[in-house]
Amino acid sequence: KELWPPRDRMVEKFKAMREPYLSK
């Protein structure tokens, strides 16, 4: 538990990673 990366940053990152796929 103590070693997980910050969730808010992970959500932000993967939202950005997902966007190019949806804009195809």
PDBML (XML) file of the C-alpha atoms, coordinates in Angstrom:
<?xml version="1.0" encoding="UTF-8" ?>
<PDBx:datablock datablockName="MODEL"
   xmlns:PDBx="http://pdbml.pdb.org/schema/pdbx-v50.xsd"
   xmlns:xsi="http://www.w3.org/2001/XMLSchema-instance"
   xsi:schemaLocation="http://pdbml.pdb.org/schema/pdbx-v50.xsd pdbx-v50.xsd">
   <PDBx:atom_siteCategory>
      <PDBx:atom_site id="1">
         <PDBx:B_iso_or_equiv>0.00</PDBx:B_iso_or_equiv>
         <PDBx:Cartn_x>0.000</PDBx:Cartn_x>
         <PDBx:Cartn_y>0.000</PDBx:Cartn_y>
         <PDBx:Cartn_z>0.000</PDBx:Cartn_z>
         <PDBx:auth_asym_id>A</PDBx:auth_asym_id>
         <PDBx:auth_atom_id>CA</PDBx:auth_atom_id>
         <PDBx:auth_comp_id>LYS</PDBx:auth_comp_id>
         <PDBx:auth_seq_id>1</PDBx:auth_seq_id>
         <PDBx:group_PDB>ATOM</PDBx:group_PDB>
         <PDBx:label_alt_id xsi:nil="true" />
         <PDBx:label_asym_id>A</PDBx:label_asym_id>
         <PDBx:label_atom_id>CA</PDBx:label_atom_id>
         <PDBx:label_comp_id>LYS</PDBx:label_comp_id>
         <PDBx:label_entity_id>1</PDBx:label_entity_id>
         <PDBx:label_seq_id>1</PDBx:label_seq_id>
         <PDBx:occupancy>1.00</PDBx:occupancy>
         <PDBx:pdbx_PDB_model_num>1</PDBx:pdbx_PDB_model_num>
         <PDBx:type_symbol>C</PDBx:type_symbol>
      </PDBx:atom_site>
      <PDBx:atom_site id="2">
         <PDBx:B_iso_or_equiv>0.00</PDBx:B_iso_or_equiv>
         <PDBx:Cartn_x>2.692</PDBx:Cartn_x>
         <PDBx:Cartn_y>2.496</PDBx:Cartn_y>
         <PDBx:Cartn_z>0.937</PDBx:Cartn_z>
         <PDBx:auth_asym_id>A</PDBx:auth_asym_id>
         <PDBx:auth_atom_id>CA</PDBx:auth_atom_id>
         <PDBx:auth_comp_id>GLU</PDBx:auth_comp_id>
         <PDBx:auth_seq_id>2</PDBx:auth_seq_id>
         <PDBx:group_PDB>ATOM</PDBx:group_PDB>
         <PDBx:label_alt_id xsi:nil="true" />
         <PDBx:label_asym_id>A</PDBx:label_asym_id>
         <PDBx:label_atom_id>CA</PDBx:label_atom_id>
         <PDBx:label_comp_id>GLU</PDBx:label_comp_id>
         <PDBx:label_entity_id>1</PDBx:label_entity_id>
         <PDBx:label_seq_id>2</PDBx:label_seq_id>
         <PDBx:occupancy>1.00</PDBx:occupancy>
         <PDBx:pdbx_PDB_model_num>1</PDBx:pdbx_PDB_model_num>
         <PDBx:type_symbol>C</PDBx:type_symbol>
      </PDBx:atom_site>
      <PDBx:atom_site id="3">
         <PDBx:B_iso_or_equiv>0.00</PDBx:B_iso_or_equiv>
         <PDBx:Cartn_x>4.436</PDBx:Cartn_x>
         <PDBx:Cartn_y>2.124</PDBx:Cartn_y>
         <PDBx:Cartn_z>-2.418</PDBx:Cartn_z>
         <PDBx:auth_asym_id>A</PDBx:auth_asym_id>
         <PDBx:auth_atom_id>CA</PDBx:auth_atom_id>
         <PDBx:auth_comp_id>LEU</PDBx:auth_comp_id>
         <PDBx:auth_seq_id>3</PDBx:auth_seq_id>
         <PDBx:group_PDB>ATOM</PDBx:group_PDB>
         <PDBx:label_alt_id xsi:nil="true" />
         <PDBx:label_asym_id>A</PDBx:label_asym_id>
         <PDBx:label_atom_id>CA</PDBx:label_atom_id>
         <PDBx:label_comp_id>LEU</PDBx:label_comp_id>
         <PDBx:label_entity_id>1</PDBx:label_entity_id>
         <PDBx:label_seq_id>3</PDBx:label_seq_id>
         <PDBx:occupancy>1.00</PDBx:occupancy>
         <PDBx:pdbx_PDB_model_num>1</PDBx:pdbx_PDB_model_num>
         <PDBx:type_symbol>C</PDBx:type_symbol>
      </PDBx:atom_site>
      <PDBx:atom_site id="4">
         <PDBx:B_iso_or_equiv>0.00</PDBx:B_iso_or_equiv>
         <PDBx:Cartn_x>1.558</PDBx:Cartn_x>
         <PDBx:Cartn_y>2.811</PDBx:Cartn_y>
         <PDBx:Cartn_z>-4.845</PDBx:Cartn_z>
         <PDBx:auth_asym_id>A</PDBx:auth_asym_id>
         <PDBx:auth_atom_id>CA</PDBx:auth_atom_id>
         <PDBx:auth_comp_id>TRP</PDBx:auth_comp_id>
         <PDBx:auth_seq_id>4</PDBx:auth_seq_id>
         <PDBx:group_PDB>ATOM</PDBx:group_PDB>
         <PDBx:label_alt_id xsi:nil="true" />
         <PDBx:label_asym_id>A</PDBx:label_asym_id>
         <PDBx:label_atom_id>CA</PDBx:label_atom_id>
         <PDBx:label_comp_id>TRP</PDBx:label_comp_id>
         <PDBx:label_entity_id>1</PDBx:label_entity_id>
         <PDBx:label_seq_id>4</PDBx:label_seq_id>
         <PDBx:occupancy>1.00</PDBx:occupancy>
         <PDBx:pdbx_PDB_model_num>1</PDBx:pdbx_PDB_model_num>
         <PDBx:type_symbol>C</PDBx:type_symbol>
      </PDBx:atom_site>
      <PDBx:atom_site id="5">
         <PDBx:B_iso_or_equiv>0.00</PDBx:B_iso_or_equiv>
         <PDBx:Cartn_x>2.060</PDBx:Cartn_x>
         <PDBx:Cartn_y>5.903</PDBx:Cartn_y>
         <PDBx:Cartn_z>-7.027</PDBx:Cartn_z>
         <PDBx:auth_asym_id>A</PDBx:auth_asym_id>
         <PDBx:auth_atom_id>CA</PDBx:auth_atom_id>
         <PDBx:auth_comp_id>PRO</PDBx:auth_comp_id>
         <PDBx:auth_seq_id>5</PDBx:auth_seq_id>
         <PDBx:group_PDB>ATOM</PDBx:group_PDB>
         <PDBx:label_alt_id xsi:nil="true" />
         <PDBx:label_asym_id>A</PDBx:label_asym_id>
         <PDBx:label_atom_id>CA</PDBx:label_atom_id>
         <PDBx:label_comp_id>PRO</PDBx:label_comp_id>
         <PDBx:label_entity_id>1</PDBx:label_entity_id>
         <PDBx:label_seq_id>5</PDBx:label_seq_id>
         <PDBx:occupancy>1.00</PDBx:occupancy>
         <PDBx:pdbx_PDB_model_num>1</PDBx:pdbx_PDB_model_num>
         <PDBx:type_symbol>C</PDBx:type_symbol>
      </PDBx:atom_site>
      <PDBx:atom_site id="6">
         <PDBx:B_iso_or_equiv>0.00</PDBx:B_iso_or_equiv>
         <PDBx:Cartn_x>-0.311</PDBx:Cartn_x>
         <PDBx:Cartn_y>8.846</PDBx:Cartn_y>
         <PDBx:Cartn_z>-6.372</PDBx:Cartn_z>
         <PDBx:auth_asym_id>A</PDBx:auth_asym_id>
         <PDBx:auth_atom_id>CA</PDBx:auth_atom_id>
         <PDBx:auth_comp_id>PRO</PDBx:auth_comp_id>
         <PDBx:auth_seq_id>6</PDBx:auth_seq_id>
         <PDBx:group_PDB>ATOM</PDBx:group_PDB>
         <PDBx:label_alt_id xsi:nil="true" />
         <PDBx:label_asym_id>A</PDBx:label_asym_id>
         <PDBx:label_atom_id>CA</PDBx:label_atom_id>
         <PDBx:label_comp_id>PRO</PDBx:label_comp_id>
         <PDBx:label_entity_id>1</PDBx:label_entity_id>
         <PDBx:label_seq_id>6</PDBx:label_seq_id>
         <PDBx:occupancy>1.00</PDBx:occupancy>
         <PDBx:pdbx_PDB_model_num>1</PDBx:pdbx_PDB_model_num>
         <PDBx:type_symbol>C</PDBx:type_symbol>
      </PDBx:atom_site>
      <PDBx:atom_site id="7">
         <PDBx:B_iso_or_equiv>0.00</PDBx:B_iso_or_equiv>
         <PDBx:Cartn_x>-3.747</PDBx:Cartn_x>
         <PDBx:Cartn_y>7.909</PDBx:Cartn_y>
         <PDBx:Cartn_z>-7.707</PDBx:Cartn_z>
         <PDBx:auth_asym_id>A</PDBx:auth_asym_id>
         <PDBx:auth_atom_id>CA</PDBx:auth_atom_id>
         <PDBx:auth_comp_id>ARG</PDBx:auth_comp_id>
         <PDBx:auth_seq_id>7</PDBx:auth_seq_id>
         <PDBx:group_PDB>ATOM</PDBx:group_PDB>
         <PDBx:label_alt_id xsi:nil="true" />
         <PDBx:label_asym_id>A</PDBx:label_asym_id>
         <PDBx:label_atom_id>CA</PDBx:label_atom_id>
         <PDBx:label_comp_id>ARG</PDBx:label_comp_id>
         <PDBx:label_entity_id>1</PDBx:label_entity_id>
         <PDBx:label_seq_id>7</PDBx:label_seq_id>
         <PDBx:occupancy>1.00</PDBx:occupancy>
         <PDBx:pdbx_PDB_model_num>1</PDBx:pdbx_PDB_model_num>
         <PDBx:type_symbol>C</PDBx:type_symbol>
      </PDBx:atom_site>
      <PDBx:atom_site id="8">
         <PDBx:B_iso_or_equiv>0.00</PDBx:B_iso_or_equiv>
         <PDBx:Cartn_x>-4.632</PDBx:Cartn_x>
         <PDBx:Cartn_y>11.385</PDBx:Cartn_y>
         <PDBx:Cartn_z>-8.973</PDBx:Cartn_z>
         <PDBx:auth_asym_id>A</PDBx:auth_asym_id>
         <PDBx:auth_atom_id>CA</PDBx:auth_atom_id>
         <PDBx:auth_comp_id>ASP</PDBx:auth_comp_id>
         <PDBx:auth_seq_id>8</PDBx:auth_seq_id>
         <PDBx:group_PDB>ATOM</PDBx:group_PDB>
         <PDBx:label_alt_id xsi:nil="true" />
         <PDBx:label_asym_id>A</PDBx:label_asym_id>
         <PDBx:label_atom_id>CA</PDBx:label_atom_id>
         <PDBx:label_comp_id>ASP</PDBx:label_comp_id>
         <PDBx:label_entity_id>1</PDBx:label_entity_id>
         <PDBx:label_seq_id>8</PDBx:label_seq_id>
         <PDBx:occupancy>1.00</PDBx:occupancy>
         <PDBx:pdbx_PDB_model_num>1</PDBx:pdbx_PDB_model_num>
         <PDBx:type_symbol>C</PDBx:type_symbol>
      </PDBx:atom_site>
      <PDBx:atom_site id="9">
         <PDBx:B_iso_or_equiv>0.00</PDBx:B_iso_or_equiv>
         <PDBx:Cartn_x>-1.469</PDBx:Cartn_x>
         <PDBx:Cartn_y>11.485</PDBx:Cartn_y>
         <PDBx:Cartn_z>-11.075</PDBx:Cartn_z>
         <PDBx:auth_asym_id>A</PDBx:auth_asym_id>
         <PDBx:auth_atom_id>CA</PDBx:auth_atom_id>
         <PDBx:auth_comp_id>ARG</PDBx:auth_comp_id>
         <PDBx:auth_seq_id>9</PDBx:auth_seq_id>
         <PDBx:group_PDB>ATOM</PDBx:group_PDB>
         <PDBx:label_alt_id xsi:nil="true" />
         <PDBx:label_asym_id>A</PDBx:label_asym_id>
         <PDBx:label_atom_id>CA</PDBx:label_atom_id>
         <PDBx:label_comp_id>ARG</PDBx:label_comp_id>
         <PDBx:label_entity_id>1</PDBx:label_entity_id>
         <PDBx:label_seq_id>9</PDBx:label_seq_id>
         <PDBx:occupancy>1.00</PDBx:occupancy>
         <PDBx:pdbx_PDB_model_num>1</PDBx:pdbx_PDB_model_num>
         <PDBx:type_symbol>C</PDBx:type_symbol>
      </PDBx:atom_site>
      <PDBx:atom_site id="10">
         <PDBx:B_iso_or_equiv>0.00</PDBx:B_iso_or_equiv>
         <PDBx:Cartn_x>-2.171</PDBx:Cartn_x>
         <PDBx:Cartn_y>7.985</PDBx:Cartn_y>
         <PDBx:Cartn_z>-12.399</PDBx:Cartn_z>
         <PDBx:auth_asym_id>A</PDBx:auth_asym_id>
         <PDBx:auth_atom_id>CA</PDBx:auth_atom_id>
         <PDBx:auth_comp_id>MET</PDBx:auth_comp_id>
         <PDBx:auth_seq_id>10</PDBx:auth_seq_id>
         <PDBx:group_PDB>ATOM</PDBx:group_PDB>
         <PDBx:label_alt_id xsi:nil="true" />
         <PDBx:label_asym_id>A</PDBx:label_asym_id>
         <PDBx:label_atom_id>CA</PDBx:label_atom_id>
         <PDBx:label_comp_id>MET</PDBx:label_comp_id>
         <PDBx:label_entity_id>1</PDBx:label_entity_id>
         <PDBx:label_seq_id>10</PDBx:label_seq_id>
         <PDBx:occupancy>1.00</PDBx:occupancy>
         <PDBx:pdbx_PDB_model_num>1</PDBx:pdbx_PDB_model_num>
         <PDBx:type_symbol>C</PDBx:type_symbol>
      </PDBx:atom_site>
      <PDBx:atom_site id="11">
         <PDBx:B_iso_or_equiv>0.00</PDBx:B_iso_or_equiv>
         <PDBx:Cartn_x>-5.709</PDBx:Cartn_x>
         <PDBx:Cartn_y>8.970</PDBx:Cartn_y>
         <PDBx:Cartn_z>-13.433</PDBx:Cartn_z>
         <PDBx:auth_asym_id>A</PDBx:auth_asym_id>
         <PDBx:auth_atom_id>CA</PDBx:auth_atom_id>
         <PDBx:auth_comp_id>VAL</PDBx:auth_comp_id>
         <PDBx:auth_seq_id>11</PDBx:auth_seq_id>
         <PDBx:group_PDB>ATOM</PDBx:group_PDB>
         <PDBx:label_alt_id xsi:nil="true" />
         <PDBx:label_asym_id>A</PDBx:label_asym_id>
         <PDBx:label_atom_id>CA</PDBx:label_atom_id>
         <PDBx:label_comp_id>VAL</PDBx:label_comp_id>
         <PDBx:label_entity_id>1</PDBx:label_entity_id>
         <PDBx:label_seq_id>11</PDBx:label_seq_id>
         <PDBx:occupancy>1.00</PDBx:occupancy>
         <PDBx:pdbx_PDB_model_num>1</PDBx:pdbx_PDB_model_num>
         <PDBx:type_symbol>C</PDBx:type_symbol>
      </PDBx:atom_site>
      <PDBx:atom_site id="12">
         <PDBx:B_iso_or_equiv>0.00</PDBx:B_iso_or_equiv>
         <PDBx:Cartn_x>-4.363</PDBx:Cartn_x>
         <PDBx:Cartn_y>12.059</PDBx:Cartn_y>
         <PDBx:Cartn_z>-15.171</PDBx:Cartn_z>
         <PDBx:auth_asym_id>A</PDBx:auth_asym_id>
         <PDBx:auth_atom_id>CA</PDBx:auth_atom_id>
         <PDBx:auth_comp_id>GLU</PDBx:auth_comp_id>
         <PDBx:auth_seq_id>12</PDBx:auth_seq_id>
         <PDBx:group_PDB>ATOM</PDBx:group_PDB>
         <PDBx:label_alt_id xsi:nil="true" />
         <PDBx:label_asym_id>A</PDBx:label_asym_id>
         <PDBx:label_atom_id>CA</PDBx:label_atom_id>
         <PDBx:label_comp_id>GLU</PDBx:label_comp_id>
         <PDBx:label_entity_id>1</PDBx:label_entity_id>
         <PDBx:label_seq_id>12</PDBx:label_seq_id>
         <PDBx:occupancy>1.00</PDBx:occupancy>
         <PDBx:pdbx_PDB_model_num>1</PDBx:pdbx_PDB_model_num>
         <PDBx:type_symbol>C</PDBx:type_symbol>
      </PDBx:atom_site>
      <PDBx:atom_site id="13">
         <PDBx:B_iso_or_equiv>0.00</PDBx:B_iso_or_equiv>
         <PDBx:Cartn_x>-1.670</PDBx:Cartn_x>
         <PDBx:Cartn_y>10.074</PDBx:Cartn_y>
         <PDBx:Cartn_z>-16.954</PDBx:Cartn_z>
         <PDBx:auth_asym_id>A</PDBx:auth_asym_id>
         <PDBx:auth_atom_id>CA</PDBx:auth_atom_id>
         <PDBx:auth_comp_id>LYS</PDBx:auth_comp_id>
         <PDBx:auth_seq_id>13</PDBx:auth_seq_id>
         <PDBx:group_PDB>ATOM</PDBx:group_PDB>
         <PDBx:label_alt_id xsi:nil="true" />
         <PDBx:label_asym_id>A</PDBx:label_asym_id>
         <PDBx:label_atom_id>CA</PDBx:label_atom_id>
         <PDBx:label_comp_id>LYS</PDBx:label_comp_id>
         <PDBx:label_entity_id>1</PDBx:label_entity_id>
         <PDBx:label_seq_id>13</PDBx:label_seq_id>
         <PDBx:occupancy>1.00</PDBx:occupancy>
         <PDBx:pdbx_PDB_model_num>1</PDBx:pdbx_PDB_model_num>
         <PDBx:type_symbol>C</PDBx:type_symbol>
      </PDBx:atom_site>
      <PDBx:atom_site id="14">
         <PDBx:B_iso_or_equiv>0.00</PDBx:B_iso_or_equiv>
         <PDBx:Cartn_x>-3.930</PDBx:Cartn_x>
         <PDBx:Cartn_y>7.319</PDBx:Cartn_y>
         <PDBx:Cartn_z>-18.235</PDBx:Cartn_z>
         <PDBx:auth_asym_id>A</PDBx:auth_asym_id>
         <PDBx:auth_atom_id>CA</PDBx:auth_atom_id>
         <PDBx:auth_comp_id>PHE</PDBx:auth_comp_id>
         <PDBx:auth_seq_id>14</PDBx:auth_seq_id>
         <PDBx:group_PDB>ATOM</PDBx:group_PDB>
         <PDBx:label_alt_id xsi:nil="true" />
         <PDBx:label_asym_id>A</PDBx:label_asym_id>
         <PDBx:label_atom_id>CA</PDBx:label_atom_id>
         <PDBx:label_comp_id>PHE</PDBx:label_comp_id>
         <PDBx:label_entity_id>1</PDBx:label_entity_id>
         <PDBx:label_seq_id>14</PDBx:label_seq_id>
         <PDBx:occupancy>1.00</PDBx:occupancy>
         <PDBx:pdbx_PDB_model_num>1</PDBx:pdbx_PDB_model_num>
         <PDBx:type_symbol>C</PDBx:type_symbol>
      </PDBx:atom_site>
      <PDBx:atom_site id="15">
         <PDBx:B_iso_or_equiv>0.00</PDBx:B_iso_or_equiv>
         <PDBx:Cartn_x>-6.621</PDBx:Cartn_x>
         <PDBx:Cartn_y>9.756</PDBx:Cartn_y>
         <PDBx:Cartn_z>-19.322</PDBx:Cartn_z>
         <PDBx:auth_asym_id>A</PDBx:auth_asym_id>
         <PDBx:auth_atom_id>CA</PDBx:auth_atom_id>
         <PDBx:auth_comp_id>LYS</PDBx:auth_comp_id>
         <PDBx:auth_seq_id>15</PDBx:auth_seq_id>
         <PDBx:group_PDB>ATOM</PDBx:group_PDB>
         <PDBx:label_alt_id xsi:nil="true" />
         <PDBx:label_asym_id>A</PDBx:label_asym_id>
         <PDBx:label_atom_id>CA</PDBx:label_atom_id>
         <PDBx:label_comp_id>LYS</PDBx:label_comp_id>
         <PDBx:label_entity_id>1</PDBx:label_entity_id>
         <PDBx:label_seq_id>15</PDBx:label_seq_id>
         <PDBx:occupancy>1.00</PDBx:occupancy>
         <PDBx:pdbx_PDB_model_num>1</PDBx:pdbx_PDB_model_num>
         <PDBx:type_symbol>C</PDBx:type_symbol>
      </PDBx:atom_site>
      <PDBx:atom_site id="16">
         <PDBx:B_iso_or_equiv>0.00</PDBx:B_iso_or_equiv>
         <PDBx:Cartn_x>-3.980</PDBx:Cartn_x>
         <PDBx:Cartn_y>11.398</PDBx:Cartn_y>
         <PDBx:Cartn_z>-21.504</PDBx:Cartn_z>
         <PDBx:auth_asym_id>A</PDBx:auth_asym_id>
         <PDBx:auth_atom_id>CA</PDBx:auth_atom_id>
         <PDBx:auth_comp_id>ALA</PDBx:auth_comp_id>
         <PDBx:auth_seq_id>16</PDBx:auth_seq_id>
         <PDBx:group_PDB>ATOM</PDBx:group_PDB>
         <PDBx:label_alt_id xsi:nil="true" />
         <PDBx:label_asym_id>A</PDBx:label_asym_id>
         <PDBx:label_atom_id>CA</PDBx:label_atom_id>
         <PDBx:label_comp_id>ALA</PDBx:label_comp_id>
         <PDBx:label_entity_id>1</PDBx:label_entity_id>
         <PDBx:label_seq_id>16</PDBx:label_seq_id>
         <PDBx:occupancy>1.00</PDBx:occupancy>
         <PDBx:pdbx_PDB_model_num>1</PDBx:pdbx_PDB_model_num>
         <PDBx:type_symbol>C</PDBx:type_symbol>
      </PDBx:atom_site>
      <PDBx:atom_site id="17">
         <PDBx:B_iso_or_equiv>0.00</PDBx:B_iso_or_equiv>
         <PDBx:Cartn_x>-2.748</PDBx:Cartn_x>
         <PDBx:Cartn_y>8.017</PDBx:Cartn_y>
         <PDBx:Cartn_z>-22.780</PDBx:Cartn_z>
         <PDBx:auth_asym_id>A</PDBx:auth_asym_id>
         <PDBx:auth_atom_id>CA</PDBx:auth_atom_id>
         <PDBx:auth_comp_id>MET</PDBx:auth_comp_id>
         <PDBx:auth_seq_id>17</PDBx:auth_seq_id>
         <PDBx:group_PDB>ATOM</PDBx:group_PDB>
         <PDBx:label_alt_id xsi:nil="true" />
         <PDBx:label_asym_id>A</PDBx:label_asym_id>
         <PDBx:label_atom_id>CA</PDBx:label_atom_id>
         <PDBx:label_comp_id>MET</PDBx:label_comp_id>
         <PDBx:label_entity_id>1</PDBx:label_entity_id>
         <PDBx:label_seq_id>17</PDBx:label_seq_id>
         <PDBx:occupancy>1.00</PDBx:occupancy>
         <PDBx:pdbx_PDB_model_num>1</PDBx:pdbx_PDB_model_num>
         <PDBx:type_symbol>C</PDBx:type_symbol>
      </PDBx:atom_site>
      <PDBx:atom_site id="18">
         <PDBx:B_iso_or_equiv>0.00</PDBx:B_iso_or_equiv>
         <PDBx:Cartn_x>-6.283</PDBx:Cartn_x>
         <PDBx:Cartn_y>6.942</PDBx:Cartn_y>
         <PDBx:Cartn_z>-23.687</PDBx:Cartn_z>
         <PDBx:auth_asym_id>A</PDBx:auth_asym_id>
         <PDBx:auth_atom_id>CA</PDBx:auth_atom_id>
         <PDBx:auth_comp_id>ARG</PDBx:auth_comp_id>
         <PDBx:auth_seq_id>18</PDBx:auth_seq_id>
         <PDBx:group_PDB>ATOM</PDBx:group_PDB>
         <PDBx:label_alt_id xsi:nil="true" />
         <PDBx:label_asym_id>A</PDBx:label_asym_id>
         <PDBx:label_atom_id>CA</PDBx:label_atom_id>
         <PDBx:label_comp_id>ARG</PDBx:label_comp_id>
         <PDBx:label_entity_id>1</PDBx:label_entity_id>
         <PDBx:label_seq_id>18</PDBx:label_seq_id>
         <PDBx:occupancy>1.00</PDBx:occupancy>
         <PDBx:pdbx_PDB_model_num>1</PDBx:pdbx_PDB_model_num>
         <PDBx:type_symbol>C</PDBx:type_symbol>
      </PDBx:atom_site>
      <PDBx:atom_site id="19">
         <PDBx:B_iso_or_equiv>0.00</PDBx:B_iso_or_equiv>
         <PDBx:Cartn_x>-7.208</PDBx:Cartn_x>
         <PDBx:Cartn_y>10.068</PDBx:Cartn_y>
         <PDBx:Cartn_z>-25.635</PDBx:Cartn_z>
         <PDBx:auth_asym_id>A</PDBx:auth_asym_id>
         <PDBx:auth_atom_id>CA</PDBx:auth_atom_id>
         <PDBx:auth_comp_id>GLU</PDBx:auth_comp_id>
         <PDBx:auth_seq_id>19</PDBx:auth_seq_id>
         <PDBx:group_PDB>ATOM</PDBx:group_PDB>
         <PDBx:label_alt_id xsi:nil="true" />
         <PDBx:label_asym_id>A</PDBx:label_asym_id>
         <PDBx:label_atom_id>CA</PDBx:label_atom_id>
         <PDBx:label_comp_id>GLU</PDBx:label_comp_id>
         <PDBx:label_entity_id>1</PDBx:label_entity_id>
         <PDBx:label_seq_id>19</PDBx:label_seq_id>
         <PDBx:occupancy>1.00</PDBx:occupancy>
         <PDBx:pdbx_PDB_model_num>1</PDBx:pdbx_PDB_model_num>
         <PDBx:type_symbol>C</PDBx:type_symbol>
      </PDBx:atom_site>
      <PDBx:atom_site id="20">
         <PDBx:B_iso_or_equiv>0.00</PDBx:B_iso_or_equiv>
         <PDBx:Cartn_x>-5.258</PDBx:Cartn_x>
         <PDBx:Cartn_y>9.353</PDBx:Cartn_y>
         <PDBx:Cartn_z>-28.856</PDBx:Cartn_z>
         <PDBx:auth_asym_id>A</PDBx:auth_asym_id>
         <PDBx:auth_atom_id>CA</PDBx:auth_atom_id>
         <PDBx:auth_comp_id>PRO</PDBx:auth_comp_id>
         <PDBx:auth_seq_id>20</PDBx:auth_seq_id>
         <PDBx:group_PDB>ATOM</PDBx:group_PDB>
         <PDBx:label_alt_id xsi:nil="true" />
         <PDBx:label_asym_id>A</PDBx:label_asym_id>
         <PDBx:label_atom_id>CA</PDBx:label_atom_id>
         <PDBx:label_comp_id>PRO</PDBx:label_comp_id>
         <PDBx:label_entity_id>1</PDBx:label_entity_id>
         <PDBx:label_seq_id>20</PDBx:label_seq_id>
         <PDBx:occupancy>1.00</PDBx:occupancy>
         <PDBx:pdbx_PDB_model_num>1</PDBx:pdbx_PDB_model_num>
         <PDBx:type_symbol>C</PDBx:type_symbol>
      </PDBx:atom_site>
      <PDBx:atom_site id="21">
         <PDBx:B_iso_or_equiv>0.00</PDBx:B_iso_or_equiv>
         <PDBx:Cartn_x>-6.939</PDBx:Cartn_x>
         <PDBx:Cartn_y>5.956</PDBx:Cartn_y>
         <PDBx:Cartn_z>-29.154</PDBx:Cartn_z>
         <PDBx:auth_asym_id>A</PDBx:auth_asym_id>
         <PDBx:auth_atom_id>CA</PDBx:auth_atom_id>
         <PDBx:auth_comp_id>TYR</PDBx:auth_comp_id>
         <PDBx:auth_seq_id>21</PDBx:auth_seq_id>
         <PDBx:group_PDB>ATOM</PDBx:group_PDB>
         <PDBx:label_alt_id xsi:nil="true" />
         <PDBx:label_asym_id>A</PDBx:label_asym_id>
         <PDBx:label_atom_id>CA</PDBx:label_atom_id>
         <PDBx:label_comp_id>TYR</PDBx:label_comp_id>
         <PDBx:label_entity_id>1</PDBx:label_entity_id>
         <PDBx:label_seq_id>21</PDBx:label_seq_id>
         <PDBx:occupancy>1.00</PDBx:occupancy>
         <PDBx:pdbx_PDB_model_num>1</PDBx:pdbx_PDB_model_num>
         <PDBx:type_symbol>C</PDBx:type_symbol>
      </PDBx:atom_site>
      <PDBx:atom_site id="22">
         <PDBx:B_iso_or_equiv>0.00</PDBx:B_iso_or_equiv>
         <PDBx:Cartn_x>-10.414</PDBx:Cartn_x>
         <PDBx:Cartn_y>7.498</PDBx:Cartn_y>
         <PDBx:Cartn_z>-28.872</PDBx:Cartn_z>
         <PDBx:auth_asym_id>A</PDBx:auth_asym_id>
         <PDBx:auth_atom_id>CA</PDBx:auth_atom_id>
         <PDBx:auth_comp_id>LEU</PDBx:auth_comp_id>
         <PDBx:auth_seq_id>22</PDBx:auth_seq_id>
         <PDBx:group_PDB>ATOM</PDBx:group_PDB>
         <PDBx:label_alt_id xsi:nil="true" />
         <PDBx:label_asym_id>A</PDBx:label_asym_id>
         <PDBx:label_atom_id>CA</PDBx:label_atom_id>
         <PDBx:label_comp_id>LEU</PDBx:label_comp_id>
         <PDBx:label_entity_id>1</PDBx:label_entity_id>
         <PDBx:label_seq_id>22</PDBx:label_seq_id>
         <PDBx:occupancy>1.00</PDBx:occupancy>
         <PDBx:pdbx_PDB_model_num>1</PDBx:pdbx_PDB_model_num>
         <PDBx:type_symbol>C</PDBx:type_symbol>
      </PDBx:atom_site>
      <PDBx:atom_site id="23">
         <PDBx:B_iso_or_equiv>0.00</PDBx:B_iso_or_equiv>
         <PDBx:Cartn_x>-9.664</PDBx:Cartn_x>
         <PDBx:Cartn_y>10.213</PDBx:Cartn_y>
         <PDBx:Cartn_z>-31.383</PDBx:Cartn_z>
         <PDBx:auth_asym_id>A</PDBx:auth_asym_id>
         <PDBx:auth_atom_id>CA</PDBx:auth_atom_id>
         <PDBx:auth_comp_id>SER</PDBx:auth_comp_id>
         <PDBx:auth_seq_id>23</PDBx:auth_seq_id>
         <PDBx:group_PDB>ATOM</PDBx:group_PDB>
         <PDBx:label_alt_id xsi:nil="true" />
         <PDBx:label_asym_id>A</PDBx:label_asym_id>
         <PDBx:label_atom_id>CA</PDBx:label_atom_id>
         <PDBx:label_comp_id>SER</PDBx:label_comp_id>
         <PDBx:label_entity_id>1</PDBx:label_entity_id>
         <PDBx:label_seq_id>23</PDBx:label_seq_id>
         <PDBx:occupancy>1.00</PDBx:occupancy>
         <PDBx:pdbx_PDB_model_num>1</PDBx:pdbx_PDB_model_num>
         <PDBx:type_symbol>C</PDBx:type_symbol>
      </PDBx:atom_site>
      <PDBx:atom_site id="24">
         <PDBx:B_iso_or_equiv>0.00</PDBx:B_iso_or_equiv>
         <PDBx:Cartn_x>-8.724</PDBx:Cartn_x>
         <PDBx:Cartn_y>7.745</PDBx:Cartn_y>
         <PDBx:Cartn_z>-34.115</PDBx:Cartn_z>
         <PDBx:auth_asym_id>A</PDBx:auth_asym_id>
         <PDBx:auth_atom_id>CA</PDBx:auth_atom_id>
         <PDBx:auth_comp_id>LYS</PDBx:auth_comp_id>
         <PDBx:auth_seq_id>24</PDBx:auth_seq_id>
         <PDBx:group_PDB>ATOM</PDBx:group_PDB>
         <PDBx:label_alt_id xsi:nil="true" />
         <PDBx:label_asym_id>A</PDBx:label_asym_id>
         <PDBx:label_atom_id>CA</PDBx:label_atom_id>
         <PDBx:label_comp_id>LYS</PDBx:label_comp_id>
         <PDBx:label_entity_id>1</PDBx:label_entity_id>
         <PDBx:label_seq_id>24</PDBx:label_seq_id>
         <PDBx:occupancy>1.00</PDBx:occupancy>
         <PDBx:pdbx_PDB_model_num>1</PDBx:pdbx_PDB_model_num>
         <PDBx:type_symbol>C</PDBx:type_symbol>
      </PDBx:atom_site>
   </PDBx:atom_siteCategory>
</PDBx:datablock>
